[in-house]
Amino acid sequence: MEQGLAVFSEGRRVTKPYMLAVLASAKADLGKTSEGLELLKDALASTEESGESWWVAELHHLRGRLLLSREQHAESESCFRWAMEVSGGQRARLLELRASMSLARLWRDQGKVLQARELLAPVYGWFTEGLDTRDLKEAKALLEELAG
């Protein structure tokens, strides 16, 4: 993946943040959280340089997930909130749902079950189609868990 990214990115700036995020996610799956965070730092810098902002919300969401794996709860929450704000401003509902689910899970784990449900329910309620997709199935299951 790293070699492919280097070849693909040579002389290009467009889609670089997305590609770095994919690589960061793979690093995280391999337990290389520090490397993943460094890649996300590069991805965010690349968005500043190129002005490409369509994946910024997901970059912050992924950063929050990586920080959460290090038990950096306050920083993680900040990233999830930022991801929600950016995706909401872009009307990127699916990205907002993902960030909302992550923050709701964090709050659930902190015993803030009611706040988690109040956060997630309206975001999930925006969707009238695609209810059989993985993200929406996970959101529904989380809402049911939070209600029960």
N, C-alpha and C. Protein backbone atom coordinates (compact mmCIF):
# COMPACT_ATOMS: atom_id res chain seq x y z
N MET A 1 0.82 -1.19 0.00
CA MET A 1 0.00 0.00 0.00
C MET A 1 0.87 1.26 0.00
N GLU A 2 1.93 1.22 0.79
CA GLU A 2 2.80 2.40 0.87
C GLU A 2 3.46 2.68 -0.47
N GLN A 3 3.92 1.63 -1.15
CA GLN A 3 4.54 1.82 -2.46
C GLN A 3 3.52 2.31 -3.48
N GLY A 4 2.35 1.74 -3.45
CA GLY A 4 1.29 2.16 -4.36
C GLY A 4 0.92 3.61 -4.15
N LEU A 5 0.86 4.03 -2.90
CA LEU A 5 0.54 5.42 -2.59
C LEU A 5 1.62 6.35 -3.12
N ALA A 6 2.86 5.96 -2.95
CA ALA A 6 3.96 6.79 -3.44
C ALA A 6 3.90 6.96 -4.95
N VAL A 7 3.63 5.87 -5.67
CA VAL A 7 3.54 5.94 -7.13
C VAL A 7 2.34 6.77 -7.54
N PHE A 8 1.20 6.51 -6.91
CA PHE A 8 -0.03 7.22 -7.27
C PHE A 8 0.07 8.71 -6.96
N SER A 9 0.67 9.05 -5.84
CA SER A 9 0.72 10.43 -5.37
C SER A 9 1.75 11.29 -6.08
N GLU A 10 2.67 10.68 -6.78
CA GLU A 10 3.76 11.44 -7.39
C GLU A 10 3.20 12.55 -8.27
N GLY A 11 3.45 13.78 -7.83
CA GLY A 11 3.01 14.93 -8.60
C GLY A 11 1.53 15.26 -8.45
N ARG A 12 0.81 14.51 -7.63
CA ARG A 12 -0.63 14.75 -7.43
C ARG A 12 -0.90 15.15 -5.99
N ARG A 13 -1.92 15.94 -5.85
CA ARG A 13 -2.36 16.27 -4.50
C ARG A 13 -3.80 15.79 -4.29
N VAL A 14 -4.56 15.70 -5.36
CA VAL A 14 -5.96 15.30 -5.27
C VAL A 14 -6.06 13.84 -4.84
N THR A 15 -6.94 13.56 -3.97
CA THR A 15 -7.23 12.27 -3.34
C THR A 15 -6.14 11.78 -2.39
N LYS A 16 -5.08 12.52 -2.23
CA LYS A 16 -4.02 12.10 -1.30
C LYS A 16 -4.54 11.93 0.12
N PRO A 17 -5.36 12.86 0.65
CA PRO A 17 -5.87 12.66 2.02
C PRO A 17 -6.65 11.36 2.17
N TYR A 18 -7.45 11.05 1.17
CA TYR A 18 -8.23 9.80 1.23
C TYR A 18 -7.29 8.59 1.24
N MET A 19 -6.31 8.60 0.36
CA MET A 19 -5.37 7.48 0.28
C MET A 19 -4.58 7.33 1.57
N LEU A 20 -4.18 8.43 2.16
CA LEU A 20 -3.45 8.37 3.44
C LEU A 20 -4.36 7.83 4.55
N ALA A 21 -5.64 8.18 4.49
CA ALA A 21 -6.58 7.67 5.49
C ALA A 21 -6.75 6.17 5.37
N VAL A 22 -6.82 5.66 4.16
CA VAL A 22 -6.93 4.22 3.95
C VAL A 22 -5.70 3.52 4.51
N LEU A 23 -4.54 4.06 4.24
CA LEU A 23 -3.30 3.48 4.75
C LEU A 23 -3.26 3.58 6.29
N ALA A 24 -3.69 4.71 6.84
CA ALA A 24 -3.72 4.87 8.30
C ALA A 24 -4.64 3.85 8.94
N SER A 25 -5.77 3.60 8.31
CA SER A 25 -6.72 2.61 8.83
C SER A 25 -6.09 1.22 8.81
N ALA A 26 -5.39 0.90 7.74
CA ALA A 26 -4.71 -0.40 7.66
C ALA A 26 -3.63 -0.51 8.73
N LYS A 27 -2.88 0.56 8.95
CA LYS A 27 -1.86 0.55 10.01
C LYS A 27 -2.52 0.32 11.37
N ALA A 28 -3.65 0.96 11.59
CA ALA A 28 -4.36 0.79 12.86
C ALA A 28 -4.80 -0.66 13.04
N ASP A 29 -5.29 -1.27 11.96
CA ASP A 29 -5.70 -2.67 12.03
C ASP A 29 -4.54 -3.60 12.37
N LEU A 30 -3.34 -3.17 12.01
CA LEU A 30 -2.14 -3.96 12.32
C LEU A 30 -1.55 -3.61 13.68
N GLY A 31 -2.23 -2.73 14.42
CA GLY A 31 -1.75 -2.34 15.74
C GLY A 31 -0.68 -1.27 15.71
N LYS A 32 -0.51 -0.63 14.58
CA LYS A 32 0.52 0.41 14.43
C LYS A 32 -0.14 1.79 14.54
N THR A 33 -0.68 2.05 15.71
CA THR A 33 -1.44 3.27 15.96
C THR A 33 -0.61 4.52 15.74
N SER A 34 0.60 4.53 16.21
CA SER A 34 1.46 5.71 16.05
C SER A 34 1.68 6.04 14.58
N GLU A 35 1.94 5.02 13.79
CA GLU A 35 2.14 5.24 12.36
C GLU A 35 0.85 5.75 11.72
N GLY A 36 -0.27 5.20 12.14
CA GLY A 36 -1.56 5.65 11.62
C GLY A 36 -1.82 7.11 11.94
N LEU A 37 -1.49 7.50 13.16
CA LEU A 37 -1.68 8.90 13.56
C LEU A 37 -0.77 9.84 12.76
N GLU A 38 0.43 9.41 12.49
CA GLU A 38 1.35 10.22 11.68
C GLU A 38 0.81 10.39 10.26
N LEU A 39 0.27 9.32 9.70
CA LEU A 39 -0.31 9.40 8.36
C LEU A 39 -1.50 10.35 8.35
N LEU A 40 -2.30 10.31 9.40
CA LEU A 40 -3.46 11.22 9.47
C LEU A 40 -3.00 12.67 9.61
N LYS A 41 -1.92 12.89 10.32
CA LYS A 41 -1.35 14.23 10.43
C LYS A 41 -0.95 14.72 9.03
N ASP A 42 -0.31 13.86 8.26
CA ASP A 42 0.06 14.20 6.89
C ASP A 42 -1.18 14.45 6.02
N ALA A 43 -2.19 13.62 6.22
CA ALA A 43 -3.42 13.76 5.43
C ALA A 43 -4.09 15.10 5.71
N LEU A 44 -4.16 15.48 6.98
CA LEU A 44 -4.77 16.76 7.33
C LEU A 44 -3.95 17.93 6.80
N ALA A 45 -2.64 17.80 6.85
CA ALA A 45 -1.78 18.85 6.27
C ALA A 45 -2.00 18.94 4.77
N SER A 46 -2.19 17.81 4.14
CA SER A 46 -2.43 17.77 2.69
C SER A 46 -3.74 18.47 2.33
N THR A 47 -4.75 18.32 3.19
CA THR A 47 -6.03 19.00 2.91
C THR A 47 -5.86 20.51 2.99
N GLU A 48 -5.01 20.95 3.91
CA GLU A 48 -4.73 22.39 4.03
C GLU A 48 -4.02 22.89 2.77
N GLU A 49 -3.08 22.10 2.31
CA GLU A 49 -2.28 22.48 1.14
C GLU A 49 -3.10 22.49 -0.15
N SER A 50 -3.92 21.46 -0.32
CA SER A 50 -4.66 21.31 -1.58
C SER A 50 -6.03 21.96 -1.57
N GLY A 51 -6.56 22.20 -0.37
CA GLY A 51 -7.93 22.72 -0.28
C GLY A 51 -8.98 21.64 -0.45
N GLU A 52 -8.53 20.41 -0.59
CA GLU A 52 -9.43 19.27 -0.76
C GLU A 52 -10.03 18.91 0.60
N SER A 53 -11.32 19.14 0.75
CA SER A 53 -11.91 18.98 2.09
C SER A 53 -12.99 17.91 2.17
N TRP A 54 -13.24 17.20 1.11
CA TRP A 54 -14.36 16.26 1.11
C TRP A 54 -14.17 15.09 2.07
N TRP A 55 -12.96 14.79 2.51
CA TRP A 55 -12.72 13.65 3.41
C TRP A 55 -12.24 14.10 4.79
N VAL A 56 -12.26 15.40 5.05
CA VAL A 56 -11.74 15.92 6.32
C VAL A 56 -12.50 15.35 7.51
N ALA A 57 -13.81 15.25 7.42
CA ALA A 57 -14.59 14.73 8.54
C ALA A 57 -14.15 13.31 8.88
N GLU A 58 -13.96 12.49 7.87
CA GLU A 58 -13.55 11.11 8.13
C GLU A 58 -12.13 11.03 8.65
N LEU A 59 -11.28 11.95 8.26
CA LEU A 59 -9.91 12.00 8.81
C LEU A 59 -9.96 12.25 10.31
N HIS A 60 -10.80 13.18 10.74
CA HIS A 60 -10.93 13.46 12.17
C HIS A 60 -11.59 12.29 12.90
N HIS A 61 -12.56 11.66 12.26
CA HIS A 61 -13.22 10.51 12.86
C HIS A 61 -12.21 9.38 13.08
N LEU A 62 -11.43 9.10 12.06
CA LEU A 62 -10.43 8.04 12.18
C LEU A 62 -9.38 8.40 13.23
N ARG A 63 -8.97 9.65 13.27
CA ARG A 63 -8.02 10.09 14.30
C ARG A 63 -8.61 9.85 15.70
N GLY A 64 -9.89 10.16 15.86
CA GLY A 64 -10.56 9.91 17.13
C GLY A 64 -10.56 8.44 17.51
N ARG A 65 -10.81 7.59 16.53
CA ARG A 65 -10.79 6.15 16.80
C ARG A 65 -9.40 5.68 17.23
N LEU A 66 -8.37 6.20 16.57
CA LEU A 66 -7.02 5.80 16.94
C LEU A 66 -6.65 6.31 18.33
N LEU A 67 -7.02 7.53 18.62
CA LEU A 67 -6.76 8.07 19.96
C LEU A 67 -7.52 7.31 21.03
N LEU A 68 -8.72 6.89 20.70
CA LEU A 68 -9.52 6.11 21.65
C LEU A 68 -8.84 4.78 21.95
N SER A 69 -8.21 4.20 20.95
CA SER A 69 -7.50 2.93 21.18
C SER A 69 -6.33 3.11 22.14
N ARG A 70 -5.88 4.35 22.28
CA ARG A 70 -4.82 4.68 23.25
C ARG A 70 -5.41 5.20 24.56
N GLU A 71 -6.72 5.12 24.68
CA GLU A 71 -7.47 5.58 25.85
C GLU A 71 -7.31 7.07 26.11
N GLN A 72 -7.16 7.83 25.04
CA GLN A 72 -7.11 9.29 25.13
C GLN A 72 -8.54 9.79 24.86
N HIS A 73 -9.39 9.63 25.88
CA HIS A 73 -10.82 9.86 25.72
C HIS A 73 -11.19 11.30 25.38
N ALA A 74 -10.59 12.26 26.06
CA ALA A 74 -10.94 13.66 25.81
C ALA A 74 -10.56 14.08 24.39
N GLU A 75 -9.37 13.69 23.96
CA GLU A 75 -8.92 14.03 22.60
C GLU A 75 -9.78 13.32 21.56
N SER A 76 -10.13 12.08 21.86
CA SER A 76 -10.96 11.31 20.96
C SER A 76 -12.34 11.96 20.81
N GLU A 77 -12.92 12.34 21.93
CA GLU A 77 -14.23 13.00 21.90
C GLU A 77 -14.16 14.29 21.07
N SER A 78 -13.11 15.04 21.23
CA SER A 78 -12.93 16.27 20.47
C SER A 78 -12.89 15.98 18.96
N CYS A 79 -12.18 14.93 18.59
CA CYS A 79 -12.11 14.55 17.16
C CYS A 79 -13.49 14.14 16.63
N PHE A 80 -14.23 13.37 17.41
CA PHE A 80 -15.56 12.94 16.98
C PHE A 80 -16.48 14.14 16.81
N ARG A 81 -16.42 15.06 17.77
CA ARG A 81 -17.25 16.27 17.68
C ARG A 81 -16.88 17.10 16.44
N TRP A 82 -15.58 17.24 16.19
CA TRP A 82 -15.13 17.99 15.03
C TRP A 82 -15.60 17.31 13.74
N ALA A 83 -15.49 15.99 13.70
CA ALA A 83 -15.95 15.24 12.53
C ALA A 83 -17.44 15.45 12.30
N MET A 84 -18.22 15.48 13.39
CA MET A 84 -19.66 15.72 13.27
C MET A 84 -19.93 17.12 12.74
N GLU A 85 -19.19 18.08 13.24
CA GLU A 85 -19.39 19.46 12.82
C GLU A 85 -19.05 19.64 11.33
N VAL A 86 -17.93 19.11 10.92
CA VAL A 86 -17.51 19.24 9.52
C VAL A 86 -18.49 18.52 8.60
N SER A 87 -18.82 17.28 8.94
CA SER A 87 -19.72 16.52 8.07
C SER A 87 -21.12 17.13 8.05
N GLY A 88 -21.56 17.68 9.19
CA GLY A 88 -22.85 18.36 9.21
C GLY A 88 -22.85 19.58 8.31
N GLY A 89 -21.77 20.34 8.34
CA GLY A 89 -21.65 21.51 7.47
C GLY A 89 -21.60 21.15 6.00
N GLN A 90 -21.08 19.98 5.70
CA GLN A 90 -21.00 19.51 4.32
C GLN A 90 -22.25 18.73 3.90
N ARG A 91 -23.14 18.52 4.85
CA ARG A 91 -24.33 17.68 4.64
C ARG A 91 -23.94 16.27 4.19
N ALA A 92 -22.85 15.80 4.74
CA ALA A 92 -22.37 14.44 4.49
C ALA A 92 -22.95 13.56 5.58
N ARG A 93 -24.20 13.19 5.40
CA ARG A 93 -24.96 12.52 6.47
C ARG A 93 -24.35 11.20 6.92
N LEU A 94 -23.84 10.41 5.99
CA LEU A 94 -23.26 9.14 6.39
C LEU A 94 -22.01 9.33 7.25
N LEU A 95 -21.19 10.30 6.89
CA LEU A 95 -20.00 10.58 7.70
C LEU A 95 -20.40 11.12 9.07
N GLU A 96 -21.45 11.91 9.10
CA GLU A 96 -21.95 12.41 10.39
C GLU A 96 -22.48 11.27 11.24
N LEU A 97 -23.15 10.32 10.61
CA LEU A 97 -23.65 9.15 11.33
C LEU A 97 -22.49 8.36 11.94
N ARG A 98 -21.44 8.14 11.16
CA ARG A 98 -20.29 7.38 11.67
C ARG A 98 -19.65 8.07 12.88
N ALA A 99 -19.45 9.36 12.77
CA ALA A 99 -18.86 10.10 13.89
C ALA A 99 -19.79 10.09 15.10
N SER A 100 -21.08 10.22 14.86
CA SER A 100 -22.07 10.19 15.95
C SER A 100 -22.08 8.84 16.64
N MET A 101 -21.97 7.77 15.86
CA MET A 101 -21.94 6.44 16.47
C MET A 101 -20.70 6.27 17.34
N SER A 102 -19.57 6.76 16.88
CA SER A 102 -18.35 6.64 17.68
C SER A 102 -18.46 7.42 18.97
N LEU A 103 -18.99 8.64 18.90
CA LEU A 103 -19.15 9.43 20.11
C LEU A 103 -20.19 8.80 21.03
N ALA A 104 -21.26 8.26 20.46
CA ALA A 104 -22.28 7.59 21.27
C ALA A 104 -21.70 6.37 21.98
N ARG A 105 -20.86 5.63 21.31
CA ARG A 105 -20.22 4.46 21.96
C ARG A 105 -19.30 4.91 23.10
N LEU A 106 -18.56 5.97 22.86
CA LEU A 106 -17.68 6.50 23.91
C LEU A 106 -18.51 6.90 25.12
N TRP A 107 -19.58 7.65 24.88
CA TRP A 107 -20.44 8.08 25.97
C TRP A 107 -21.10 6.89 26.67
N ARG A 108 -21.54 5.90 25.90
CA ARG A 108 -22.12 4.69 26.50
C ARG A 108 -21.13 4.07 27.47
N ASP A 109 -19.89 3.94 27.02
CA ASP A 109 -18.85 3.33 27.85
C ASP A 109 -18.52 4.16 29.08
N GLN A 110 -18.84 5.45 29.03
CA GLN A 110 -18.63 6.34 30.17
C GLN A 110 -19.88 6.43 31.05
N GLY A 111 -20.91 5.65 30.71
CA GLY A 111 -22.14 5.66 31.49
C GLY A 111 -23.12 6.75 31.11
N LYS A 112 -22.86 7.45 30.02
CA LYS A 112 -23.74 8.54 29.56
C LYS A 112 -24.71 8.00 28.51
N VAL A 113 -25.49 7.01 28.89
CA VAL A 113 -26.34 6.28 27.95
C VAL A 113 -27.43 7.19 27.37
N LEU A 114 -28.09 7.98 28.21
CA LEU A 114 -29.15 8.86 27.72
C LEU A 114 -28.61 9.89 26.73
N GLN A 115 -27.48 10.50 27.05
CA GLN A 115 -26.87 11.48 26.14
C GLN A 115 -26.48 10.82 24.81
N ALA A 116 -25.99 9.61 24.89
CA ALA A 116 -25.59 8.88 23.68
C ALA A 116 -26.81 8.65 22.78
N ARG A 117 -27.89 8.23 23.39
CA ARG A 117 -29.11 7.99 22.60
C ARG A 117 -29.65 9.28 22.02
N GLU A 118 -29.66 10.35 22.82
CA GLU A 118 -30.16 11.64 22.34
C GLU A 118 -29.30 12.19 21.21
N LEU A 119 -28.03 11.86 21.20
CA LEU A 119 -27.13 12.28 20.13
C LEU A 119 -27.42 11.50 18.85
N LEU A 120 -27.51 10.19 18.96
CA LEU A 120 -27.58 9.33 17.79
C LEU A 120 -28.96 9.25 17.15
N ALA A 121 -30.02 9.27 17.95
CA ALA A 121 -31.36 9.06 17.41
C ALA A 121 -31.74 10.03 16.29
N PRO A 122 -31.54 11.34 16.46
CA PRO A 122 -31.94 12.22 15.36
C PRO A 122 -31.08 12.05 14.10
N VAL A 123 -29.82 11.73 14.27
CA VAL A 123 -28.95 11.52 13.10
C VAL A 123 -29.43 10.29 12.34
N TYR A 124 -29.69 9.22 13.05
CA TYR A 124 -30.21 8.00 12.42
C TYR A 124 -31.56 8.28 11.75
N GLY A 125 -32.37 9.11 12.39
CA GLY A 125 -33.70 9.42 11.88
C GLY A 125 -33.72 10.13 10.53
N TRP A 126 -32.60 10.73 10.13
CA TRP A 126 -32.54 11.39 8.83
C TRP A 126 -32.67 10.42 7.67
N PHE A 127 -32.30 9.17 7.91
CA PHE A 127 -32.23 8.19 6.83
C PHE A 127 -33.57 7.50 6.62
N THR A 128 -34.00 7.51 5.36
CA THR A 128 -35.22 6.83 4.99
C THR A 128 -34.95 5.72 3.98
N GLU A 129 -33.75 5.70 3.46
CA GLU A 129 -33.34 4.67 2.50
C GLU A 129 -32.01 4.09 2.96
N GLY A 130 -31.69 2.94 2.39
CA GLY A 130 -30.41 2.32 2.70
C GLY A 130 -30.33 1.72 4.08
N LEU A 131 -31.48 1.44 4.66
CA LEU A 131 -31.51 0.94 6.04
C LEU A 131 -30.88 -0.44 6.19
N ASP A 132 -30.63 -1.10 5.06
CA ASP A 132 -30.00 -2.41 5.11
C ASP A 132 -28.48 -2.33 4.93
N THR A 133 -27.93 -1.12 4.87
CA THR A 133 -26.47 -0.98 4.77
C THR A 133 -25.83 -1.21 6.13
N ARG A 134 -24.55 -1.53 6.09
CA ARG A 134 -23.84 -1.86 7.34
C ARG A 134 -23.88 -0.73 8.35
N ASP A 135 -23.60 0.50 7.91
CA ASP A 135 -23.57 1.63 8.85
C ASP A 135 -24.93 1.82 9.52
N LEU A 136 -25.99 1.76 8.75
CA LEU A 136 -27.31 1.98 9.33
C LEU A 136 -27.77 0.82 10.19
N LYS A 137 -27.39 -0.38 9.83
CA LYS A 137 -27.70 -1.53 10.69
C LYS A 137 -26.98 -1.41 12.03
N GLU A 138 -25.70 -0.98 11.99
CA GLU A 138 -24.94 -0.79 13.23
C GLU A 138 -25.56 0.32 14.08
N ALA A 139 -25.99 1.39 13.44
CA ALA A 139 -26.60 2.50 14.18
C ALA A 139 -27.90 2.05 14.83
N LYS A 140 -28.70 1.30 14.11
CA LYS A 140 -29.97 0.79 14.67
C LYS A 140 -29.70 -0.12 15.87
N ALA A 141 -28.73 -1.02 15.72
CA ALA A 141 -28.39 -1.93 16.82
C ALA A 141 -27.89 -1.14 18.04
N LEU A 142 -27.09 -0.12 17.80
CA LEU A 142 -26.59 0.69 18.92
C LEU A 142 -27.74 1.43 19.59
N LEU A 143 -28.66 1.98 18.81
CA LEU A 143 -29.81 2.66 19.40
C LEU A 143 -30.66 1.69 20.22
N GLU A 144 -30.85 0.48 19.72
CA GLU A 144 -31.61 -0.52 20.48
C GLU A 144 -30.91 -0.86 21.79
N GLU A 145 -29.59 -0.98 21.73
CA GLU A 145 -28.81 -1.25 22.94
C GLU A 145 -28.95 -0.10 23.94
N LEU A 146 -28.88 1.13 23.44
CA LEU A 146 -28.98 2.31 24.30
C LEU A 146 -30.38 2.46 24.91
N ALA A 147 -31.38 1.95 24.21
CA ALA A 147 -32.76 2.04 24.70
C ALA A 147 -33.05 0.98 25.75
N GLY A 148 -32.33 -0.13 25.66
CA GLY A 148 -32.64 -1.27 26.50
C GLY A 148 -32.01 -1.27 27.80
